[in-house]
Protein backbone atom coordinates (compact mmCIF):
# COMPACT_ATOMS: atom_id res chain seq x y z
CA MET A 1 6.67 -8.19 -86.05
CA THR A 2 9.62 -10.06 -83.89
CA PHE A 3 12.05 -8.84 -81.71
CA LEU A 4 14.94 -10.26 -84.02
CA GLU A 5 12.70 -7.95 -86.93
CA ARG A 6 12.35 -4.96 -84.69
CA THR A 7 16.13 -4.83 -83.64
CA THR A 8 17.54 -5.61 -87.50
CA ASP A 9 15.35 -3.61 -89.46
CA ALA A 10 17.25 -0.19 -90.03
CA ARG A 11 14.20 1.63 -90.85
CA ARG A 12 13.00 1.30 -86.86
CA TYR A 13 16.08 3.24 -85.85
CA ARG A 14 14.96 6.91 -84.45
CA ALA A 15 18.20 9.58 -85.22
CA TRP A 16 19.07 12.64 -83.50
CA GLU A 17 20.67 15.26 -85.12
CA GLY A 18 23.07 17.91 -83.82
CA ASN A 19 24.93 17.87 -80.87
CA MET A 20 24.26 15.89 -77.83
CA GLU A 21 26.06 16.56 -74.19
CA ALA A 22 27.46 13.80 -72.64
CA ASP A 23 29.38 15.38 -69.56
CA TYR A 24 30.38 12.60 -67.26
CA ILE A 25 31.87 13.47 -63.45
CA TYR A 26 33.08 9.99 -62.13
CA THR A 27 33.95 10.70 -58.31
CA SER A 28 35.84 7.84 -56.52
CA GLY A 29 33.27 7.19 -53.67
CA LEU A 30 32.99 7.18 -49.61
CA ALA A 31 35.85 4.58 -49.81
CA GLY A 32 37.82 5.57 -52.34
CA GLN A 33 37.83 9.26 -50.90
CA ARG A 34 38.79 7.63 -47.62
CA PHE A 35 41.74 5.86 -49.37
CA PHE A 36 42.92 9.01 -51.76
CA VAL A 37 42.94 11.53 -48.52
CA ALA A 38 44.95 8.80 -46.59
CA LEU A 39 47.59 8.57 -49.72
CA ARG A 40 48.10 12.52 -49.84
CA ASP A 41 48.44 13.08 -46.43
CA GLU A 42 50.40 10.31 -45.11
CA GLY A 43 51.54 8.69 -47.79
CA ARG A 44 50.28 5.09 -47.22
CA LEU A 45 47.61 3.01 -48.22
CA LEU A 46 44.51 1.60 -46.85
CA ALA A 47 42.18 -1.46 -47.56
CA ALA A 48 38.76 -1.43 -46.62
CA ARG A 49 38.05 -4.27 -43.60
CA CYS A 50 35.21 -6.44 -43.10
CA THR A 51 34.89 -6.83 -39.42
CA ALA A 52 32.14 -9.69 -39.84
CA CYS A 53 34.18 -12.18 -42.24
CA GLY A 54 37.81 -10.78 -41.74
CA LEU A 55 38.47 -10.03 -44.91
CA ASP A 56 40.66 -7.01 -46.76
CA TYR A 57 39.87 -5.13 -49.94
CA LEU A 58 41.97 -3.24 -51.92
CA PRO A 59 40.76 -0.88 -53.87
CA PRO A 60 38.60 -0.15 -50.84
CA ARG A 61 34.90 -0.85 -51.10
CA ILE A 62 31.88 -0.08 -49.09
CA PHE A 63 30.00 -3.75 -49.13
CA CYS A 64 31.72 -6.78 -48.77
CA GLU A 65 31.66 -8.96 -51.61
CA GLU A 66 31.18 -12.56 -49.77
CA CYS A 67 28.63 -11.67 -46.73
CA PHE A 68 27.51 -7.73 -48.27
CA ALA A 69 28.66 -6.08 -45.23
CA GLU A 70 29.00 -2.77 -44.76
CA LEU A 71 32.51 -1.93 -44.37
CA THR A 72 33.41 0.80 -42.37
CA GLU A 73 36.81 0.13 -41.03
CA PHE A 74 40.07 1.07 -42.82
CA VAL A 75 43.20 -0.71 -41.99
CA PRO A 76 46.76 0.28 -43.56
CA VAL A 77 48.67 -2.25 -46.28
CA PRO A 78 51.75 -3.87 -45.36
CA PRO A 79 54.62 -2.05 -46.84
CA GLU A 80 55.84 -4.73 -48.96
CA GLY A 81 53.50 -6.39 -51.63
CA GLN A 82 54.57 -8.79 -54.46
CA VAL A 83 54.11 -8.22 -58.32
CA ALA A 84 51.32 -10.90 -59.71
CA SER A 85 51.60 -10.07 -63.28
CA LEU A 86 53.24 -7.63 -65.36
CA THR A 87 53.80 -6.15 -68.93
CA VAL A 88 55.85 -3.58 -71.02
CA ALA A 89 54.70 -0.96 -72.53
CA HIS A 90 56.70 0.06 -75.69
CA GLN A 91 53.90 3.05 -76.55
CA ASP A 92 52.73 5.68 -74.81
CA ARG A 93 48.89 6.17 -74.45
CA THR A 94 48.86 8.48 -77.34
CA GLY A 95 50.80 5.76 -79.45
CA ALA A 96 54.10 7.53 -79.23
CA LEU A 97 57.76 5.25 -78.57
CA ALA A 98 57.91 4.80 -75.07
CA SER A 99 61.75 5.54 -74.21
CA PRO A 100 62.97 3.60 -72.38
CA PRO A 101 59.72 1.62 -71.98
CA GLN A 102 57.73 1.31 -69.18
CA VAL A 103 56.71 -1.85 -67.03
CA TRP A 104 53.87 -1.95 -65.59
CA ALA A 105 52.35 -4.75 -62.44
CA PHE A 106 49.62 -5.75 -60.62
CA VAL A 107 51.18 -5.93 -57.21
CA THR A 108 49.18 -7.60 -54.14
CA PHE A 109 49.81 -7.30 -50.56
CA LYS A 110 49.62 -10.32 -47.98
CA GLY A 111 46.25 -10.86 -46.54
CA VAL A 112 44.55 -8.38 -48.91
CA ARG A 113 41.73 -9.10 -51.53
CA GLY A 114 43.06 -7.36 -54.82
CA GLY A 115 45.78 -5.54 -55.08
CA LEU A 116 46.60 -2.07 -57.04
CA LEU A 117 47.88 -2.06 -61.06
CA HIS A 118 50.89 0.75 -61.70
CA ARG A 119 53.87 1.42 -62.92
CA LEU A 120 57.10 -1.37 -61.88
CA LEU A 121 60.32 1.26 -60.94
CA ALA A 122 62.53 -1.45 -62.31
CA THR A 123 63.76 -2.11 -65.97
CA PRO A 124 61.94 -4.67 -68.09
CA ASP A 125 65.28 -7.28 -67.82
CA ALA A 126 64.81 -6.89 -64.21
CA ALA A 127 61.02 -7.07 -63.69
CA ARG A 128 59.41 -10.40 -63.10
CA PRO A 129 56.77 -11.89 -61.50
CA GLY A 130 56.70 -12.65 -57.62
CA MET A 131 59.14 -10.17 -57.27
CA ARG A 132 59.05 -8.01 -53.94
CA VAL A 133 57.84 -4.39 -53.75
CA HIS A 134 57.28 -1.34 -52.05
CA ILE A 135 55.26 1.79 -52.88
CA ARG A 136 57.20 4.66 -53.77
CA VAL A 137 54.89 8.16 -53.19
CA ARG A 138 55.60 11.57 -54.62
CA PRO A 139 56.95 14.72 -51.79
CA ARG A 140 54.19 15.40 -49.47
CA GLU A 141 53.96 18.66 -51.19
CA ALA A 142 53.59 17.45 -54.88
CA ARG A 143 50.74 15.12 -53.52
CA THR A 144 47.17 15.98 -54.93
CA GLY A 145 45.10 12.77 -52.99
CA THR A 146 45.03 11.06 -57.22
CA ILE A 147 46.38 7.92 -58.13
CA ALA A 148 49.27 10.03 -59.52
CA ASP A 149 50.59 10.52 -55.76
CA ILE A 150 52.07 6.73 -56.54
CA GLU A 151 55.50 7.39 -58.36
CA GLY A 152 54.97 3.52 -58.49
CA PHE A 153 56.52 0.12 -56.84
CA GLU A 154 60.43 -0.33 -56.49
CA PRO A 155 61.76 -3.09 -55.75
CA ALA A 156 62.09 -3.91 -52.50
CA ARG A 157 65.67 -4.52 -50.91
CA SER A 158 66.59 -7.33 -50.02
CA THR A 159 67.36 -8.23 -45.78
CA LYS A 160 69.69 -10.45 -46.48
């Protein structure tokens, strides 16, 4: 019997009767833990730095994608980022109408590889790729060490 015959013959499949437990716990890992502790305790973003090739990564990770060196150094992310792309959500995650619509953006930071996807605290009409933004974090007493400690990214005020 060929591979194709084996995988397309429904009589060859096996069935599982009853319930099958499928409990999963997703952890943030070593780099993620350091990131979330800094966010919770200091209200700032950290990137992992590769001392071998000089790259900074956000979200942080424990190995460099270029040279595979272990990343043990963490550096602050610049306070101002830039919207790389965005979308407007007219429904929430349950499918209910979002009123007002929410703007979500992928924000990048100068000198950092990667970025963060989060709410953009701007109206759909004011939101645009390329706009400068900075992070708004929850008050210290409300932070729990999760991505929800970030309220969103708000437009940066012009210094002109």
